[in-house]
Amino acid sequence: MKASQYYLALIVLLGVVSYGALAYDPSPLQDFCVAINDTSKTNGVFVNGKFCMDPALANANDFFYDGLKEGNTSGLNTLGISLVRVDFAPYGLNPPHTHPRATEILVVIEGTLQVGFVTSNPENRLFTKVLNKGDVFVFPIGLIHFQQNMGKTKAVAIASLSSQNPGVITIANAVFKSNPPISADILAKAFQVDKSVIKTLQN
């Protein structure tokens, strides 16, 4: 290998490693944090927006969750990852949204989903795929993505995200339901439509 190729490979490797280091939640300063709201059970440690239970008081039930059942979308959220069940009604849609702090991996458990994400400017490339039971798809961190049930029966998926607080920004809500509202003049110019269309969407 020539010296120039060696240095190029080294730069690429360092870039990949650096990106990986920046793309995840910070390393924990302890073995685990069982997040609690009741501060009487804490030793005062405050991590990632939650108080941590005194580790001496933790037990196996603090690492167990039986809530990934139909109708419960609260999910499991701890130790730098999140897990959630998503139930789709026939032809139901999880509208375009983004997770600013996490990559998402989605596994179809039941039904058929059309999924996709759009790359950043200026390409704005759409990557889309129809998924069936057992199929897996990854949505890169921060990119706008969606899922839609393509069938006449319900669909179920399990999603895992690489942050214990991935955040979610639903595009339509952020743009048309902001508080206070974004100026209709600005949105009319941005979407190249009449202001009356913007006001209808905001209402």
C-alpha atoms as a PDB file:
ATOM      1  CA  MET A   1       0.000   0.000   0.000  1.00  0.00           C
ATOM      2  CA  LYS A   2       1.376   3.415  -0.962  1.00  0.00           C
ATOM      3  CA  ALA A   3       1.849   6.038   1.749  1.00  0.00           C
ATOM      4  CA  SER A   4      -0.891   8.240   0.261  1.00  0.00           C
ATOM      5  CA  GLN A   5      -3.360   5.324   0.281  1.00  0.00           C
ATOM      6  CA  TYR A   6      -2.383   4.481   3.848  1.00  0.00           C
ATOM      7  CA  TYR A   7      -3.024   8.052   5.033  1.00  0.00           C
ATOM      8  CA  LEU A   8      -6.306   8.223   3.136  1.00  0.00           C
ATOM      9  CA  ALA A   9      -7.456   4.954   4.737  1.00  0.00           C
ATOM     10  CA  LEU A  10      -6.388   6.266   8.156  1.00  0.00           C
ATOM     11  CA  ILE A  11      -8.334   9.513   7.662  1.00  0.00           C
ATOM     12  CA  VAL A  12     -11.453   7.602   6.600  1.00  0.00           C
ATOM     13  CA  LEU A  13     -11.151   5.286   9.611  1.00  0.00           C
ATOM     14  CA  LEU A  14     -10.740   8.206  12.005  1.00  0.00           C
ATOM     15  CA  GLY A  15     -13.744   9.914  10.421  1.00  0.00           C
ATOM     16  CA  VAL A  16     -15.920   6.837  10.901  1.00  0.00           C
ATOM     17  CA  VAL A  17     -14.784   6.394  14.499  1.00  0.00           C
ATOM     18  CA  SER A  18     -15.310  10.094  15.265  1.00  0.00           C
ATOM     19  CA  TYR A  19     -18.797  10.044  13.751  1.00  0.00           C
ATOM     20  CA  GLY A  20     -19.714   6.990  15.815  1.00  0.00           C
ATOM     21  CA  ALA A  21     -18.487   8.665  18.960  1.00  0.00           C
ATOM     22  CA  LEU A  22     -20.632  11.732  18.316  1.00  0.00           C
ATOM     23  CA  ALA A  23     -23.747   9.872  17.187  1.00  0.00           C
ATOM     24  CA  TYR A  24     -24.648   8.269  20.518  1.00  0.00           C
ATOM     25  CA  ASP A  25     -25.619   9.294  24.024  1.00  0.00           C
ATOM     26  CA  PRO A  26     -22.676  10.161  26.270  1.00  0.00           C
ATOM     27  CA  SER A  27     -21.006   7.273  28.060  1.00  0.00           C
ATOM     28  CA  PRO A  28     -22.556   6.675  31.479  1.00  0.00           C
ATOM     29  CA  LEU A  29     -20.574   7.499  34.589  1.00  0.00           C
ATOM     30  CA  GLN A  30     -21.923   4.456  36.439  1.00  0.00           C
ATOM     31  CA  ASP A  31     -23.003   0.899  35.618  1.00  0.00           C
ATOM     32  CA  PHE A  32     -26.650   1.892  35.218  1.00  0.00           C
ATOM     33  CA  CYS A  33     -29.223   4.537  36.007  1.00  0.00           C
ATOM     34  CA  VAL A  34     -32.703   3.407  37.005  1.00  0.00           C
ATOM     35  CA  ALA A  35     -34.572   6.637  36.313  1.00  0.00           C
ATOM     36  CA  ILE A  36     -37.096   7.733  38.940  1.00  0.00           C
ATOM     37  CA  ASN A  37     -39.316  10.729  39.617  1.00  0.00           C
ATOM     38  CA  ASP A  38     -39.456  10.249  43.401  1.00  0.00           C
ATOM     39  CA  THR A  39     -36.369  12.024  44.719  1.00  0.00           C
ATOM     40  CA  SER A  40     -36.691  10.384  48.145  1.00  0.00           C
ATOM     41  CA  LYS A  41     -35.247   7.208  46.558  1.00  0.00           C
ATOM     42  CA  THR A  42     -32.184   8.869  45.068  1.00  0.00           C
ATOM     43  CA  ASN A  43     -28.722   9.668  46.246  1.00  0.00           C
ATOM     44  CA  GLY A  44     -28.844  12.926  44.297  1.00  0.00           C
ATOM     45  CA  VAL A  45     -27.252  11.730  41.064  1.00  0.00           C
ATOM     46  CA  PHE A  46     -28.872  13.478  38.104  1.00  0.00           C
ATOM     47  CA  VAL A  47     -28.303  11.988  34.638  1.00  0.00           C
ATOM     48  CA  ASN A  48     -29.920  12.768  31.273  1.00  0.00           C
ATOM     49  CA  GLY A  49     -32.853  14.681  32.692  1.00  0.00           C
ATOM     50  CA  LYS A  50     -33.820  12.093  35.354  1.00  0.00           C
ATOM     51  CA  PHE A  51     -32.787  11.308  38.903  1.00  0.00           C
ATOM     52  CA  CYS A  52     -31.181   7.895  39.364  1.00  0.00           C
ATOM     53  CA  MET A  53     -32.266   5.435  42.022  1.00  0.00           C
ATOM     54  CA  ASP A  54     -29.582   4.498  44.518  1.00  0.00           C
ATOM     55  CA  PRO A  55     -27.986   1.459  42.760  1.00  0.00           C
ATOM     56  CA  ALA A  56     -28.088  -0.488  46.047  1.00  0.00           C
ATOM     57  CA  LEU A  57     -31.909  -0.347  45.909  1.00  0.00           C
ATOM     58  CA  ALA A  58     -32.201  -1.666  42.320  1.00  0.00           C
ATOM     59  CA  ASN A  59     -33.460  -5.169  41.507  1.00  0.00           C
ATOM     60  CA  ALA A  60     -34.184  -7.273  38.405  1.00  0.00           C
ATOM     61  CA  ASN A  61     -37.662  -5.758  37.983  1.00  0.00           C
ATOM     62  CA  ASP A  62     -36.016  -2.398  37.283  1.00  0.00           C
ATOM     63  CA  PHE A  63     -34.634  -3.897  34.042  1.00  0.00           C
ATOM     64  CA  PHE A  64     -37.860  -5.653  33.015  1.00  0.00           C
ATOM     65  CA  TYR A  65     -40.814  -4.283  31.039  1.00  0.00           C
ATOM     66  CA  ASP A  66     -43.984  -6.151  30.086  1.00  0.00           C
ATOM     67  CA  GLY A  67     -45.680  -3.232  28.374  1.00  0.00           C
ATOM     68  CA  LEU A  68     -44.963  -3.831  24.675  1.00  0.00           C
ATOM     69  CA  LYS A  69     -48.585  -4.810  24.191  1.00  0.00           C
ATOM     70  CA  GLU A  70     -51.222  -3.552  21.796  1.00  0.00           C
ATOM     71  CA  GLY A  71     -52.439  -0.092  22.720  1.00  0.00           C
ATOM     72  CA  ASN A  72     -49.456   0.752  24.925  1.00  0.00           C
ATOM     73  CA  THR A  73     -46.973   2.947  23.076  1.00  0.00           C
ATOM     74  CA  SER A  74     -45.013   4.210  26.066  1.00  0.00           C
ATOM     75  CA  GLY A  75     -42.060   1.944  25.295  1.00  0.00           C
ATOM     76  CA  LEU A  76     -38.928   1.086  27.212  1.00  0.00           C
ATOM     77  CA  ASN A  77     -36.399   3.854  27.665  1.00  0.00           C
ATOM     78  CA  THR A  78     -33.139   3.401  29.563  1.00  0.00           C
ATOM     79  CA  LEU A  79     -29.386   2.769  29.295  1.00  0.00           C
ATOM     80  CA  GLY A  80     -28.883   4.702  26.058  1.00  0.00           C
ATOM     81  CA  ILE A  81     -31.577   2.933  24.001  1.00  0.00           C
ATOM     82  CA  SER A  82     -35.336   3.103  23.503  1.00  0.00           C
ATOM     83  CA  LEU A  83     -37.776   0.421  22.446  1.00  0.00           C
ATOM     84  CA  VAL A  84     -41.380   0.909  21.360  1.00  0.00           C
ATOM     85  CA  ARG A  85     -44.211  -1.069  19.804  1.00  0.00           C
ATOM     86  CA  VAL A  86     -46.116   0.573  16.940  1.00  0.00           C
ATOM     87  CA  ASP A  87     -49.597  -0.689  16.005  1.00  0.00           C
ATOM     88  CA  PHE A  88     -50.940   0.419  12.616  1.00  0.00           C
ATOM     89  CA  ALA A  89     -54.634   0.368  11.751  1.00  0.00           C
ATOM     90  CA  PRO A  90     -55.450  -0.758   8.194  1.00  0.00           C
ATOM     91  CA  TYR A  91     -53.825   1.814   5.874  1.00  0.00           C
ATOM     92  CA  GLY A  92     -52.652   3.689   8.999  1.00  0.00           C
ATOM     93  CA  LEU A  93     -49.762   6.117   8.758  1.00  0.00           C
ATOM     94  CA  ASN A  94     -46.922   7.166  11.029  1.00  0.00           C
ATOM     95  CA  PRO A  95     -46.463  10.550   9.295  1.00  0.00           C
ATOM     96  CA  PRO A  96     -43.138  12.067   8.254  1.00  0.00           C
ATOM     97  CA  HIS A  97     -41.073  12.777  11.361  1.00  0.00           C
ATOM     98  CA  THR A  98     -37.499  12.806  12.587  1.00  0.00           C
ATOM     99  CA  HIS A  99     -35.562  11.771  15.675  1.00  0.00           C
ATOM    100  CA  PRO A 100     -32.857  14.414  16.196  1.00  0.00           C
ATOM    101  CA  ARG A 101     -30.795  12.281  18.574  1.00  0.00           C
ATOM    102  CA  ALA A 102     -31.150   8.697  17.337  1.00  0.00           C
ATOM    103  CA  THR A 103     -30.929   6.184  14.533  1.00  0.00           C
ATOM    104  CA  GLU A 104     -33.986   3.912  14.411  1.00  0.00           C
ATOM    105  CA  ILE A 105     -34.173   0.248  13.493  1.00  0.00           C
ATOM    106  CA  LEU A 106     -37.650  -1.131  12.752  1.00  0.00           C
ATOM    107  CA  VAL A 107     -38.693  -4.802  12.678  1.00  0.00           C
ATOM    108  CA  VAL A 108     -42.060  -5.800  11.199  1.00  0.00           C
ATOM    109  CA  ILE A 109     -43.826  -8.320  13.435  1.00  0.00           C
ATOM    110  CA  GLU A 110     -47.115  -8.513  11.553  1.00  0.00           C
ATOM    111  CA  GLY A 111     -48.519  -7.144   8.287  1.00  0.00           C
ATOM    112  CA  THR A 112     -46.984  -5.130   5.463  1.00  0.00           C
ATOM    113  CA  LEU A 113     -45.479  -1.645   5.774  1.00  0.00           C
ATOM    114  CA  GLN A 114     -44.198   0.816   3.229  1.00  0.00           C
ATOM    115  CA  VAL A 115     -41.345   2.736   4.841  1.00  0.00           C
ATOM    116  CA  GLY A 116     -38.921   5.370   3.691  1.00  0.00           C
ATOM    117  CA  PHE A 117     -36.596   8.234   4.524  1.00  0.00           C
ATOM    118  CA  VAL A 118     -35.336  11.321   2.709  1.00  0.00           C
ATOM    119  CA  THR A 119     -31.701  12.441   2.663  1.00  0.00           C
ATOM    120  CA  SER A 120     -30.649  15.992   3.462  1.00  0.00           C
ATOM    121  CA  ASN A 121     -30.337  18.919   1.035  1.00  0.00           C
ATOM    122  CA  PRO A 122     -29.532  19.310  -1.766  1.00  0.00           C
ATOM    123  CA  GLU A 123     -30.183  15.731  -2.967  1.00  0.00           C
ATOM    124  CA  ASN A 124     -33.378  15.016  -0.979  1.00  0.00           C
ATOM    125  CA  ARG A 125     -33.232  11.409  -2.181  1.00  0.00           C
ATOM    126  CA  LEU A 126     -36.103   9.152  -1.161  1.00  0.00           C
ATOM    127  CA  PHE A 127     -35.207   5.620  -0.059  1.00  0.00           C
ATOM    128  CA  THR A 128     -38.358   3.523   0.221  1.00  0.00           C
ATOM    129  CA  LYS A 129     -39.158  -0.165   0.630  1.00  0.00           C
ATOM    130  CA  VAL A 130     -42.156  -2.423   1.257  1.00  0.00           C
ATOM    131  CA  LEU A 131     -41.538  -4.585   4.321  1.00  0.00           C
ATOM    132  CA  ASN A 132     -43.187  -7.849   5.303  1.00  0.00           C
ATOM    133  CA  LYS A 133     -43.163  -9.880   8.510  1.00  0.00           C
ATOM    134  CA  GLY A 134     -39.604 -10.370   9.726  1.00  0.00           C
ATOM    135  CA  ASP A 135     -38.126  -7.589   7.565  1.00  0.00           C
ATOM    136  CA  VAL A 136     -35.881  -4.938   9.121  1.00  0.00           C
ATOM    137  CA  PHE A 137     -35.204  -1.348   8.013  1.00  0.00           C
ATOM    138  CA  VAL A 138     -32.899   1.349   9.412  1.00  0.00           C
ATOM    139  CA  PHE A 139     -33.652   5.096   9.493  1.00  0.00           C
ATOM    140  CA  PRO A 140     -30.442   7.164   9.876  1.00  0.00           C
ATOM    141  CA  ILE A 141     -30.215   9.679  12.695  1.00  0.00           C
ATOM    142  CA  GLY A 142     -32.009  12.968  12.114  1.00  0.00           C
ATOM    143  CA  LEU A 143     -33.491  12.140   8.690  1.00  0.00           C
ATOM    144  CA  ILE A 144     -37.191  12.538   7.919  1.00  0.00           C
ATOM    145  CA  HIS A 145     -38.902   9.146   7.678  1.00  0.00           C
ATOM    146  CA  PHE A 146     -42.340   7.500   7.675  1.00  0.00           C
ATOM    147  CA  GLN A 147     -44.180   4.175   7.812  1.00  0.00           C
ATOM    148  CA  GLN A 148     -47.572   3.244   6.350  1.00  0.00           C
ATOM    149  CA  ASN A 149     -49.636   0.078   6.623  1.00  0.00           C
ATOM    150  CA  MET A 150     -50.262  -1.199   3.093  1.00  0.00           C
ATOM    151  CA  GLY A 151     -52.847  -3.806   4.031  1.00  0.00           C
ATOM    152  CA  LYS A 152     -56.502  -4.239   4.962  1.00  0.00           C
ATOM    153  CA  THR A 153     -55.521  -5.740   8.319  1.00  0.00           C
ATOM    154  CA  LYS A 154     -53.485  -4.277  11.177  1.00  0.00           C
ATOM    155  CA  ALA A 155     -49.701  -4.196  11.126  1.00  0.00           C
ATOM    156  CA  VAL A 156     -47.325  -4.304  14.083  1.00  0.00           C
ATOM    157  CA  ALA A 157     -43.681  -3.254  14.326  1.00  0.00           C
ATOM    158  CA  ILE A 158     -41.070  -2.940  17.045  1.00  0.00           C
ATOM    159  CA  ALA A 159     -38.723   0.035  16.812  1.00  0.00           C
ATOM    160  CA  SER A 160     -35.480   0.516  18.706  1.00  0.00           C
ATOM    161  CA  LEU A 161     -33.632   3.844  18.844  1.00  0.00           C
ATOM    162  CA  SER A 162     -30.016   4.534  19.729  1.00  0.00           C
ATOM    163  CA  SER A 163     -30.810   7.055  22.462  1.00  0.00           C
ATOM    164  CA  GLN A 164     -32.733   6.897  25.702  1.00  0.00           C
ATOM    165  CA  ASN A 165     -34.219  10.255  24.711  1.00  0.00           C
ATOM    166  CA  PRO A 166     -34.319  10.268  20.891  1.00  0.00           C
ATOM    167  CA  GLY A 167     -36.821  13.095  20.573  1.00  0.00           C
ATOM    168  CA  VAL A 168     -39.458  13.189  17.859  1.00  0.00           C
ATOM    169  CA  ILE A 169     -40.407  16.040  15.546  1.00  0.00           C
ATOM    170  CA  THR A 170     -43.542  15.424  13.476  1.00  0.00           C
ATOM    171  CA  ILE A 171     -42.975  17.653  10.462  1.00  0.00           C
ATOM    172  CA  ALA A 172     -46.579  18.793   9.892  1.00  0.00           C
ATOM    173  CA  ASN A 173     -47.066  19.590  13.583  1.00  0.00           C
ATOM    174  CA  ALA A 174     -43.776  21.479  13.846  1.00  0.00           C
ATOM    175  CA  VAL A 175     -44.507  23.575  10.763  1.00  0.00           C
ATOM    176  CA  PHE A 176     -48.258  24.161  10.984  1.00  0.00           C
ATOM    177  CA  LYS A 177     -48.982  23.801  14.715  1.00  0.00           C
ATOM    178  CA  SER A 178     -46.068  25.707  16.269  1.00  0.00           C
ATOM    179  CA  ASN A 179     -46.847  27.874  19.284  1.00  0.00           C
ATOM    180  CA  PRO A 180     -46.947  30.744  18.517  1.00  0.00           C
ATOM    181  CA  PRO A 181     -47.659  30.073  14.822  1.00  0.00           C
ATOM    182  CA  ILE A 182     -45.031  30.633  12.159  1.00  0.00           C
ATOM    183  CA  SER A 183     -46.051  33.605  10.028  1.00  0.00           C
ATOM    184  CA  ALA A 184     -48.399  32.614   7.199  1.00  0.00           C
ATOM    185  CA  ASP A 185     -46.352  34.887   4.915  1.00  0.00           C
ATOM    186  CA  ILE A 186     -43.214  32.861   5.604  1.00  0.00           C
ATOM    187  CA  LEU A 187     -44.942  29.516   5.101  1.00  0.00           C
ATOM    188  CA  ALA A 188     -46.738  30.693   1.942  1.00  0.00           C
ATOM    189  CA  LYS A 189     -43.386  31.640   0.420  1.00  0.00           C
ATOM    190  CA  ALA A 190     -41.682  28.462   1.646  1.00  0.00           C
ATOM    191  CA  PHE A 191     -44.368  26.148   0.234  1.00  0.00           C
ATOM    192  CA  GLN A 192     -45.207  28.402  -2.748  1.00  0.00           C
ATOM    193  CA  VAL A 193     -48.933  28.396  -2.040  1.00  0.00           C
ATOM    194  CA  ASP A 194     -51.525  31.042  -1.230  1.00  0.00           C
ATOM    195  CA  LYS A 195     -51.754  32.293   2.371  1.00  0.00           C
ATOM    196  CA  SER A 196     -55.326  30.964   2.585  1.00  0.00           C
ATOM    197  CA  VAL A 197     -53.981  27.413   2.137  1.00  0.00           C
ATOM    198  CA  ILE A 198     -51.518  27.975   5.000  1.00  0.00           C
ATOM    199  CA  LYS A 199     -54.240  29.362   7.285  1.00  0.00           C
ATOM    200  CA  THR A 200     -56.426  26.327   6.517  1.00  0.00           C
ATOM    201  CA  LEU A 201     -53.565  23.995   7.418  1.00  0.00           C
ATOM    202  CA  GLN A 202     -52.797  25.920  10.597  1.00  0.00           C
ATOM    203  CA  ASN A 203     -56.446  25.631  11.647  1.00  0.00           C
END
